[in-house]
């Protein structure tokens, strides 16, 4: 217990994160499933399942006040890039 294990095997420890193979993780994006299937299967983990791949800004988790501040900064930067004043 408490021991670190490699997430990606077969690569040198000195490899940078940018050099690692692309990987995805489950985030808190919404699941879309019909009511009937949800009640019948009693799970969201129904095959076949399809991923909605979002970038870091779109998939930003807001769990803490500092997460909220980061999201606001990203939103302001995006709006400024569009030539609009943030509200």
PDB file of N, CA and C in Angstrom:
ATOM      1  N   UNK A   1       0.836  -1.178   0.000  1.00  0.00           N
ATOM      2  CA  UNK A   1       0.000   0.000   0.000  1.00  0.00           C
ATOM      3  C   UNK A   1       0.885   1.248   0.000  1.00  0.00           C
ATOM      4  N   UNK A   2       0.453   2.267  -0.735  1.00  0.00           N
ATOM      5  CA  UNK A   2       1.204   3.499  -0.777  1.00  0.00           C
ATOM      6  C   UNK A   2       2.337   3.521  -1.785  1.00  0.00           C
ATOM      7  N   UNK A   3       2.552   2.419  -2.488  1.00  0.00           N
ATOM      8  CA  UNK A   3       3.640   2.343  -3.462  1.00  0.00           C
ATOM      9  C   UNK A   3       3.160   2.861  -4.810  1.00  0.00           C
ATOM     10  N   UNK A   4       4.005   3.654  -5.472  1.00  0.00           N
ATOM     11  CA  UNK A   4       3.672   4.163  -6.797  1.00  0.00           C
ATOM     12  C   UNK A   4       3.872   3.079  -7.837  1.00  0.00           C
ATOM     13  N   UNK A   5       2.979   3.044  -8.795  1.00  0.00           N
ATOM     14  CA  UNK A   5       3.094   2.109  -9.911  1.00  0.00           C
ATOM     15  C   UNK A   5       2.970   2.899 -11.208  1.00  0.00           C
ATOM     16  N   UNK A   6       3.691   2.491 -12.249  1.00  0.00           N
ATOM     17  CA  UNK A   6       3.625   3.233 -13.516  1.00  0.00           C
ATOM     18  C   UNK A   6       2.227   3.179 -14.128  1.00  0.00           C
ATOM     19  N   UNK A   7       1.797   4.326 -14.636  1.00  0.00           N
ATOM     20  CA  UNK A   7       0.533   4.394 -15.359  1.00  0.00           C
ATOM     21  C   UNK A   7       0.705   3.846 -16.770  1.00  0.00           C
ATOM     22  N   UNK A   8       1.830   4.184 -17.383  1.00  0.00           N
ATOM     23  CA  UNK A   8       2.164   3.706 -18.724  1.00  0.00           C
ATOM     24  C   UNK A   8       3.409   2.847 -18.589  1.00  0.00           C
ATOM     25  N   UNK A   9       3.336   1.615 -19.045  1.00  0.00           N
ATOM     26  CA  UNK A   9       4.487   0.723 -18.958  1.00  0.00           C
ATOM     27  C   UNK A   9       5.248   0.713 -20.277  1.00  0.00           C
ATOM     28  N   UNK A  10       6.491   0.302 -20.209  1.00  0.00           N
ATOM     29  CA  UNK A  10       7.293   0.169 -21.412  1.00  0.00           C
ATOM     30  C   UNK A  10       7.981   1.438 -21.862  1.00  0.00           C
ATOM     31  N   UNK A  11       8.036   2.457 -21.006  1.00  0.00           N
ATOM     32  CA  UNK A  11       8.749   3.683 -21.352  1.00  0.00           C
ATOM     33  C   UNK A  11       9.753   4.000 -20.250  1.00  0.00           C
ATOM     34  N   UNK A  12      10.785   4.744 -20.626  1.00  0.00           N
ATOM     35  CA  UNK A  12      11.807   5.132 -19.667  1.00  0.00           C
ATOM     36  C   UNK A  12      11.231   6.119 -18.651  1.00  0.00           C
ATOM     37  N   UNK A  13      11.719   6.059 -17.447  1.00  0.00           N
ATOM     38  CA  UNK A  13      11.261   6.966 -16.397  1.00  0.00           C
ATOM     39  C   UNK A  13      11.606   8.413 -16.733  1.00  0.00           C
ATOM     40  N   UNK A  14      12.673   8.642 -17.476  1.00  0.00           N
ATOM     41  CA  UNK A  14      13.120   9.999 -17.791  1.00  0.00           C
ATOM     42  C   UNK A  14      12.326  10.653 -18.917  1.00  0.00           C
ATOM     43  N   UNK A  15      11.365   9.966 -19.510  1.00  0.00           N
ATOM     44  CA  UNK A  15      10.571  10.521 -20.607  1.00  0.00           C
ATOM     45  C   UNK A  15       9.652  11.605 -20.056  1.00  0.00           C
ATOM     46  N   UNK A  16       9.529  12.724 -20.785  1.00  0.00           N
ATOM     47  CA  UNK A  16       8.647  13.797 -20.353  1.00  0.00           C
ATOM     48  C   UNK A  16       7.189  13.428 -20.629  1.00  0.00           C
ATOM     49  N   UNK A  17       6.294  14.107 -19.938  1.00  0.00           N
ATOM     50  CA  UNK A  17       4.858  13.858 -20.100  1.00  0.00           C
ATOM     51  C   UNK A  17       4.427  14.050 -21.559  1.00  0.00           C
ATOM     52  N   UNK A  18       5.011  15.038 -22.230  1.00  0.00           N
ATOM     53  CA  UNK A  18       4.644  15.323 -23.615  1.00  0.00           C
ATOM     54  C   UNK A  18       5.046  14.194 -24.557  1.00  0.00           C
ATOM     55  N   UNK A  19       6.018  13.390 -24.164  1.00  0.00           N
ATOM     56  CA  UNK A  19       6.477  12.291 -25.015  1.00  0.00           C
ATOM     57  C   UNK A  19       5.701  10.995 -24.785  1.00  0.00           C
ATOM     58  N   UNK A  20       4.877  10.966 -23.759  1.00  0.00           N
ATOM     59  CA  UNK A  20       4.105   9.756 -23.462  1.00  0.00           C
ATOM     60  C   UNK A  20       2.961   9.594 -24.454  1.00  0.00           C
ATOM     61  N   UNK A  21       2.454   8.385 -24.603  1.00  0.00           N
ATOM     62  CA  UNK A  21       1.305   8.183 -25.484  1.00  0.00           C
ATOM     63  C   UNK A  21       0.076   8.927 -24.949  1.00  0.00           C
ATOM     64  N   UNK A  22      -0.792   9.334 -25.842  1.00  0.00           N
ATOM     65  CA  UNK A  22      -2.014  10.032 -25.477  1.00  0.00           C
ATOM     66  C   UNK A  22      -2.876   9.128 -24.600  1.00  0.00           C
ATOM     67  N   UNK A  23      -3.426   9.682 -23.530  1.00  0.00           N
ATOM     68  CA  UNK A  23      -4.279   8.920 -22.613  1.00  0.00           C
ATOM     69  C   UNK A  23      -5.481   9.770 -22.244  1.00  0.00           C
ATOM     70  N   UNK A  24      -6.576   9.119 -21.939  1.00  0.00           N
ATOM     71  CA  UNK A  24      -7.806   9.795 -21.553  1.00  0.00           C
ATOM     72  C   UNK A  24      -8.247   9.291 -20.190  1.00  0.00           C
ATOM     73  N   UNK A  25      -9.011  10.123 -19.494  1.00  0.00           N
ATOM     74  CA  UNK A  25      -9.570   9.694 -18.213  1.00  0.00           C
ATOM     75  C   UNK A  25     -11.029  10.115 -18.151  1.00  0.00           C
ATOM     76  N   UNK A  26     -11.767   9.466 -17.295  1.00  0.00           N
ATOM     77  CA  UNK A  26     -13.160   9.806 -17.084  1.00  0.00           C
ATOM     78  C   UNK A  26     -13.211  11.073 -16.238  1.00  0.00           C
ATOM     79  N   UNK A  27     -14.021  12.031 -16.663  1.00  0.00           N
ATOM     80  CA  UNK A  27     -14.200  13.238 -15.866  1.00  0.00           C
ATOM     81  C   UNK A  27     -15.665  13.339 -15.460  1.00  0.00           C
ATOM     82  N   UNK A  28     -16.087  14.500 -15.077  1.00  0.00           N
ATOM     83  CA  UNK A  28     -17.461  14.664 -14.605  1.00  0.00           C
ATOM     84  C   UNK A  28     -18.394  15.188 -15.684  1.00  0.00           C
ATOM     85  N   UNK A  29     -18.088  14.900 -16.934  1.00  0.00           N
ATOM     86  CA  UNK A  29     -18.987  15.287 -18.012  1.00  0.00           C
ATOM     87  C   UNK A  29     -20.288  14.508 -17.867  1.00  0.00           C
ATOM     88  N   UNK A  30     -21.378  15.053 -18.367  1.00  0.00           N
ATOM     89  CA  UNK A  30     -22.657  14.347 -18.207  1.00  0.00           C
ATOM     90  C   UNK A  30     -22.714  13.061 -19.007  1.00  0.00           C
ATOM     91  N   UNK A  31     -23.456  12.113 -18.475  1.00  0.00           N
ATOM     92  CA  UNK A  31     -23.753  10.877 -19.185  1.00  0.00           C
ATOM     93  C   UNK A  31     -25.113  11.060 -19.849  1.00  0.00           C
ATOM     94  N   UNK A  32     -25.271  10.508 -21.032  1.00  0.00           N
ATOM     95  CA  UNK A  32     -26.546  10.587 -21.728  1.00  0.00           C
ATOM     96  C   UNK A  32     -27.040   9.168 -21.939  1.00  0.00           C
ATOM     97  N   UNK A  33     -28.179   8.881 -21.344  1.00  0.00           N
ATOM     98  CA  UNK A  33     -28.782   7.554 -21.450  1.00  0.00           C
ATOM     99  C   UNK A  33     -30.289   7.725 -21.308  1.00  0.00           C
ATOM    100  N   UNK A  34     -31.034   6.886 -21.997  1.00  0.00           N
ATOM    101  CA  UNK A  34     -32.484   7.002 -21.880  1.00  0.00           C
ATOM    102  C   UNK A  34     -32.944   6.546 -20.497  1.00  0.00           C
ATOM    103  N   UNK A  35     -34.034   7.083 -20.062  1.00  0.00           N
ATOM    104  CA  UNK A  35     -34.599   6.740 -18.755  1.00  0.00           C
ATOM    105  C   UNK A  35     -34.897   5.246 -18.674  1.00  0.00           C
ATOM    106  N   UNK A  36     -35.444   4.706 -19.747  1.00  0.00           N
ATOM    107  CA  UNK A  36     -35.809   3.289 -19.765  1.00  0.00           C
ATOM    108  C   UNK A  36     -34.578   2.397 -19.579  1.00  0.00           C
ATOM    109  N   UNK A  37     -33.518   2.700 -20.317  1.00  0.00           N
ATOM    110  CA  UNK A  37     -32.296   1.897 -20.216  1.00  0.00           C
ATOM    111  C   UNK A  37     -31.680   2.040 -18.823  1.00  0.00           C
ATOM    112  N   UNK A  38     -31.663   3.249 -18.283  1.00  0.00           N
ATOM    113  CA  UNK A  38     -31.110   3.459 -16.949  1.00  0.00           C
ATOM    114  C   UNK A  38     -31.870   2.636 -15.906  1.00  0.00           C
ATOM    115  N   UNK A  39     -33.204   2.656 -15.960  1.00  0.00           N
ATOM    116  CA  UNK A  39     -33.981   1.882 -14.995  1.00  0.00           C
ATOM    117  C   UNK A  39     -33.824   0.378 -15.211  1.00  0.00           C
ATOM    118  N   UNK A  40     -33.694  -0.047 -16.449  1.00  0.00           N
ATOM    119  CA  UNK A  40     -33.537  -1.474 -16.744  1.00  0.00           C
ATOM    120  C   UNK A  40     -32.156  -1.971 -16.332  1.00  0.00           C
ATOM    121  N   UNK A  41     -31.104  -1.252 -16.702  1.00  0.00           N
ATOM    122  CA  UNK A  41     -29.735  -1.692 -16.455  1.00  0.00           C
ATOM    123  C   UNK A  41     -29.209  -1.264 -15.086  1.00  0.00           C
ATOM    124  N   UNK A  42     -29.781  -0.200 -14.532  1.00  0.00           N
ATOM    125  CA  UNK A  42     -29.360   0.347 -13.234  1.00  0.00           C
ATOM    126  C   UNK A  42     -27.880   0.752 -13.202  1.00  0.00           C
ATOM    127  N   UNK A  43     -27.378   1.229 -14.336  1.00  0.00           N
ATOM    128  CA  UNK A  43     -26.004   1.700 -14.426  1.00  0.00           C
ATOM    129  C   UNK A  43     -25.857   2.609 -15.635  1.00  0.00           C
ATOM    130  N   UNK A  44     -24.857   3.498 -15.560  1.00  0.00           N
ATOM    131  CA  UNK A  44     -24.505   4.319 -16.717  1.00  0.00           C
ATOM    132  C   UNK A  44     -23.496   3.588 -17.596  1.00  0.00           C
ATOM    133  N   UNK A  45     -22.837   2.572 -17.058  1.00  0.00           N
ATOM    134  CA  UNK A  45     -21.797   1.848 -17.778  1.00  0.00           C
ATOM    135  C   UNK A  45     -22.359   0.815 -18.728  1.00  0.00           C
ATOM    136  N   UNK A  46     -23.027   1.280 -19.745  1.00  0.00           N
ATOM    137  CA  UNK A  46     -23.711   0.396 -20.687  1.00  0.00           C
ATOM    138  C   UNK A  46     -22.928   0.353 -21.999  1.00  0.00           C
ATOM    139  N   UNK A  47     -22.706  -0.834 -22.533  1.00  0.00           N
ATOM    140  CA  UNK A  47     -22.006  -0.980 -23.810  1.00  0.00           C
ATOM    141  C   UNK A  47     -23.033  -0.959 -24.934  1.00  0.00           C
ATOM    142  N   UNK A  48     -22.742  -0.400 -26.082  1.00  0.00           N
ATOM    143  CA  UNK A  48     -21.517   0.343 -26.357  1.00  0.00           C
ATOM    144  C   UNK A  48     -21.613   1.747 -25.778  1.00  0.00           C
ATOM    145  N   UNK A  49     -20.501   2.258 -25.330  1.00  0.00           N
ATOM    146  CA  UNK A  49     -20.415   3.626 -24.811  1.00  0.00           C
ATOM    147  C   UNK A  49     -19.464   4.421 -25.703  1.00  0.00           C
ATOM    148  N   UNK A  50     -19.745   5.680 -25.880  1.00  0.00           N
ATOM    149  CA  UNK A  50     -18.930   6.537 -26.733  1.00  0.00           C
ATOM    150  C   UNK A  50     -18.396   7.705 -25.911  1.00  0.00           C
ATOM    151  N   UNK A  51     -17.185   8.101 -26.194  1.00  0.00           N
ATOM    152  CA  UNK A  51     -16.546   9.181 -25.452  1.00  0.00           C
ATOM    153  C   UNK A  51     -16.790  10.519 -26.130  1.00  0.00           C
ATOM    154  N   UNK A  52     -16.947  11.534 -25.315  1.00  0.00           N
ATOM    155  CA  UNK A  52     -16.940  12.913 -25.779  1.00  0.00           C
ATOM    156  C   UNK A  52     -15.604  13.480 -25.330  1.00  0.00           C
ATOM    157  N   UNK A  53     -14.699  13.686 -26.252  1.00  0.00           N
ATOM    158  CA  UNK A  53     -13.352  14.148 -25.923  1.00  0.00           C
ATOM    159  C   UNK A  53     -13.361  15.672 -25.908  1.00  0.00           C
ATOM    160  N   UNK A  54     -13.011  16.233 -24.750  1.00  0.00           N
ATOM    161  CA  UNK A  54     -12.989  17.683 -24.583  1.00  0.00           C
ATOM    162  C   UNK A  54     -11.594  18.120 -24.178  1.00  0.00           C
ATOM    163  N   UNK A  55     -11.272  19.384 -24.479  1.00  0.00           N
ATOM    164  CA  UNK A  55      -9.946  19.883 -24.099  1.00  0.00           C
ATOM    165  C   UNK A  55      -9.937  20.250 -22.615  1.00  0.00           C
ATOM    166  N   UNK A  56      -8.790  20.656 -22.120  1.00  0.00           N
ATOM    167  CA  UNK A  56      -8.632  20.932 -20.686  1.00  0.00           C
ATOM    168  C   UNK A  56      -9.565  22.038 -20.198  1.00  0.00           C
ATOM    169  N   UNK A  57      -9.783  23.061 -21.021  1.00  0.00           N
ATOM    170  CA  UNK A  57     -10.660  24.152 -20.605  1.00  0.00           C
ATOM    171  C   UNK A  57     -12.115  23.702 -20.552  1.00  0.00           C
ATOM    172  N   UNK A  58     -12.549  22.957 -21.550  1.00  0.00           N
ATOM    173  CA  UNK A  58     -13.939  22.499 -21.578  1.00  0.00           C
ATOM    174  C   UNK A  58     -14.219  21.469 -20.492  1.00  0.00           C
ATOM    175  N   UNK A  59     -13.219  20.686 -20.138  1.00  0.00           N
ATOM    176  CA  UNK A  59     -13.397  19.642 -19.146  1.00  0.00           C
ATOM    177  C   UNK A  59     -12.910  20.029 -17.766  1.00  0.00           C
ATOM    178  N   UNK A  60     -12.783  21.314 -17.504  1.00  0.00           N
ATOM    179  CA  UNK A  60     -12.261  21.791 -16.235  1.00  0.00           C
ATOM    180  C   UNK A  60     -13.212  21.437 -15.092  1.00  0.00           C
ATOM    181  N   UNK A  61     -12.697  20.764 -14.076  1.00  0.00           N
ATOM    182  CA  UNK A  61     -13.471  20.464 -12.880  1.00  0.00           C
ATOM    183  C   UNK A  61     -13.411  21.652 -11.940  1.00  0.00           C
ATOM    184  N   UNK A  62     -14.546  22.046 -11.415  1.00  0.00           N
ATOM    185  CA  UNK A  62     -14.581  23.130 -10.441  1.00  0.00           C
ATOM    186  C   UNK A  62     -15.019  22.529  -9.117  1.00  0.00           C
ATOM    187  N   UNK A  63     -14.022  22.232  -8.286  1.00  0.00           N
ATOM    188  CA  UNK A  63     -14.271  21.615  -6.994  1.00  0.00           C
ATOM    189  C   UNK A  63     -13.899  22.516  -5.826  1.00  0.00           C
ATOM    190  N   UNK A  64     -13.116  23.539  -6.083  1.00  0.00           N
ATOM    191  CA  UNK A  64     -12.623  24.408  -5.018  1.00  0.00           C
ATOM    192  C   UNK A  64     -12.729  25.866  -5.462  1.00  0.00           C
ATOM    193  N   UNK A  65     -12.645  26.795  -4.513  1.00  0.00           N
ATOM    194  CA  UNK A  65     -12.652  28.213  -4.907  1.00  0.00           C
ATOM    195  C   UNK A  65     -11.519  28.574  -5.870  1.00  0.00           C
ATOM    196  N   UNK A  66     -10.358  27.957  -5.716  1.00  0.00           N
ATOM    197  CA  UNK A  66      -9.267  28.273  -6.646  1.00  0.00           C
ATOM    198  C   UNK A  66      -9.557  27.720  -8.043  1.00  0.00           C
ATOM    199  N   UNK A  67     -10.256  26.582  -8.136  1.00  0.00           N
ATOM    200  CA  UNK A  67     -10.687  26.067  -9.448  1.00  0.00           C
ATOM    201  C   UNK A  67     -11.614  27.082 -10.122  1.00  0.00           C
ATOM    202  N   UNK A  68     -12.506  27.690  -9.343  1.00  0.00           N
ATOM    203  CA  UNK A  68     -13.433  28.697  -9.868  1.00  0.00           C
ATOM    204  C   UNK A  68     -12.660  29.900 -10.400  1.00  0.00           C
ATOM    205  N   UNK A  69     -11.658  30.346  -9.661  1.00  0.00           N
ATOM    206  CA  UNK A  69     -10.843  31.485 -10.096  1.00  0.00           C
ATOM    207  C   UNK A  69     -10.128  31.175 -11.404  1.00  0.00           C
ATOM    208  N   UNK A  70      -9.599  29.972 -11.525  1.00  0.00           N
ATOM    209  CA  UNK A  70      -8.933  29.564 -12.767  1.00  0.00           C
ATOM    210  C   UNK A  70      -9.929  29.570 -13.919  1.00  0.00           C
ATOM    211  N   UNK A  71     -11.117  29.038 -13.689  1.00  0.00           N
ATOM    212  CA  UNK A  71     -12.150  29.010 -14.730  1.00  0.00           C
ATOM    213  C   UNK A  71     -12.518  30.422 -15.162  1.00  0.00           C
ATOM    214  N   UNK A  72     -12.647  31.339 -14.207  1.00  0.00           N
ATOM    215  CA  UNK A  72     -12.963  32.724 -14.554  1.00  0.00           C
ATOM    216  C   UNK A  72     -11.853  33.357 -15.388  1.00  0.00           C
ATOM    217  N   UNK A  73     -10.602  33.102 -15.026  1.00  0.00           N
ATOM    218  CA  UNK A  73      -9.468  33.643 -15.798  1.00  0.00           C
ATOM    219  C   UNK A  73      -9.474  33.097 -17.221  1.00  0.00           C
ATOM    220  N   UNK A  74      -9.713  31.810 -17.368  1.00  0.00           N
ATOM    221  CA  UNK A  74      -9.772  31.207 -18.701  1.00  0.00           C
ATOM    222  C   UNK A  74     -10.915  31.793 -19.510  1.00  0.00           C
ATOM    223  N   UNK A  75     -12.066  31.997 -18.871  1.00  0.00           N
ATOM    224  CA  UNK A  75     -13.219  32.559 -19.562  1.00  0.00           C
ATOM    225  C   UNK A  75     -12.932  33.983 -20.019  1.00  0.00           C
ATOM    226  N   UNK A  76     -12.330  34.784 -19.127  1.00  0.00           N
ATOM    227  CA  UNK A  76     -11.987  36.165 -19.505  1.00  0.00           C
ATOM    228  C   UNK A  76     -11.009  36.188 -20.678  1.00  0.00           C
ATOM    229  N   UNK A  77     -10.017  35.321 -20.646  1.00  0.00           N
ATOM    230  CA  UNK A  77      -9.037  35.263 -21.737  1.00  0.00           C
ATOM    231  C   UNK A  77      -9.710  34.855 -23.042  1.00  0.00           C
ATOM    232  N   UNK A  78     -10.614  33.904 -22.973  1.00  0.00           N
ATOM    233  CA  UNK A  78     -11.322  33.462 -24.177  1.00  0.00           C
ATOM    234  C   UNK A  78     -12.180  34.593 -24.728  1.00  0.00           C
ATOM    235  N   UNK A  79     -12.912  35.289 -23.868  1.00  0.00           N
ATOM    236  CA  UNK A  79     -13.756  36.401 -24.307  1.00  0.00           C
ATOM    237  C   UNK A  79     -12.915  37.541 -24.869  1.00  0.00           C
ATOM    238  N   UNK A  80     -11.782  37.826 -24.245  1.00  0.00           N
ATOM    239  CA  UNK A  80     -10.898  38.888 -24.744  1.00  0.00           C
ATOM    240  C   UNK A  80     -10.362  38.519 -26.124  1.00  0.00           C
ATOM    241  N   UNK A  81     -10.084  37.266 -26.355  1.00  0.00           N
ATOM    242  CA  UNK A  81      -9.613  36.804 -27.653  1.00  0.00           C
ATOM    243  C   UNK A  81     -10.661  36.931 -28.740  1.00  0.00           C
ATOM    244  N   UNK A  82     -11.925  36.963 -28.330  1.00  0.00           N
ATOM    245  CA  UNK A  82     -13.029  37.134 -29.275  1.00  0.00           C
ATOM    246  C   UNK A  82     -13.380  38.611 -29.477  1.00  0.00           C
ATOM    247  N   UNK A  83     -12.634  39.486 -28.767  1.00  0.00           N
ATOM    248  CA  UNK A  83     -12.883  40.913 -28.907  1.00  0.00           C
ATOM    249  C   UNK A  83     -14.094  41.397 -28.135  1.00  0.00           C
ATOM    250  N   UNK A  84     -14.515  40.630 -27.120  1.00  0.00           N
ATOM    251  CA  UNK A  84     -15.671  41.027 -26.318  1.00  0.00           C
ATOM    252  C   UNK A  84     -15.237  41.300 -24.893  1.00  0.00           C
ATOM    253  N   UNK A  85     -15.964  42.205 -24.281  1.00  0.00           N
ATOM    254  CA  UNK A  85     -15.735  42.484 -22.857  1.00  0.00           C
ATOM    255  C   UNK A  85     -16.443  41.422 -22.029  1.00  0.00           C
ATOM    256  N   UNK A  86     -15.753  40.814 -21.078  1.00  0.00           N
ATOM    257  CA  UNK A  86     -16.451  39.891 -20.177  1.00  0.00           C
ATOM    258  C   UNK A  86     -17.493  40.624 -19.370  1.00  0.00           C
ATOM    259  N   UNK A  87     -18.620  39.972 -19.106  1.00  0.00           N
ATOM    260  CA  UNK A  87     -19.702  40.600 -18.334  1.00  0.00           C
ATOM    261  C   UNK A  87     -19.387  40.649 -16.881  1.00  0.00           C
TER     262      UNK A  87
END
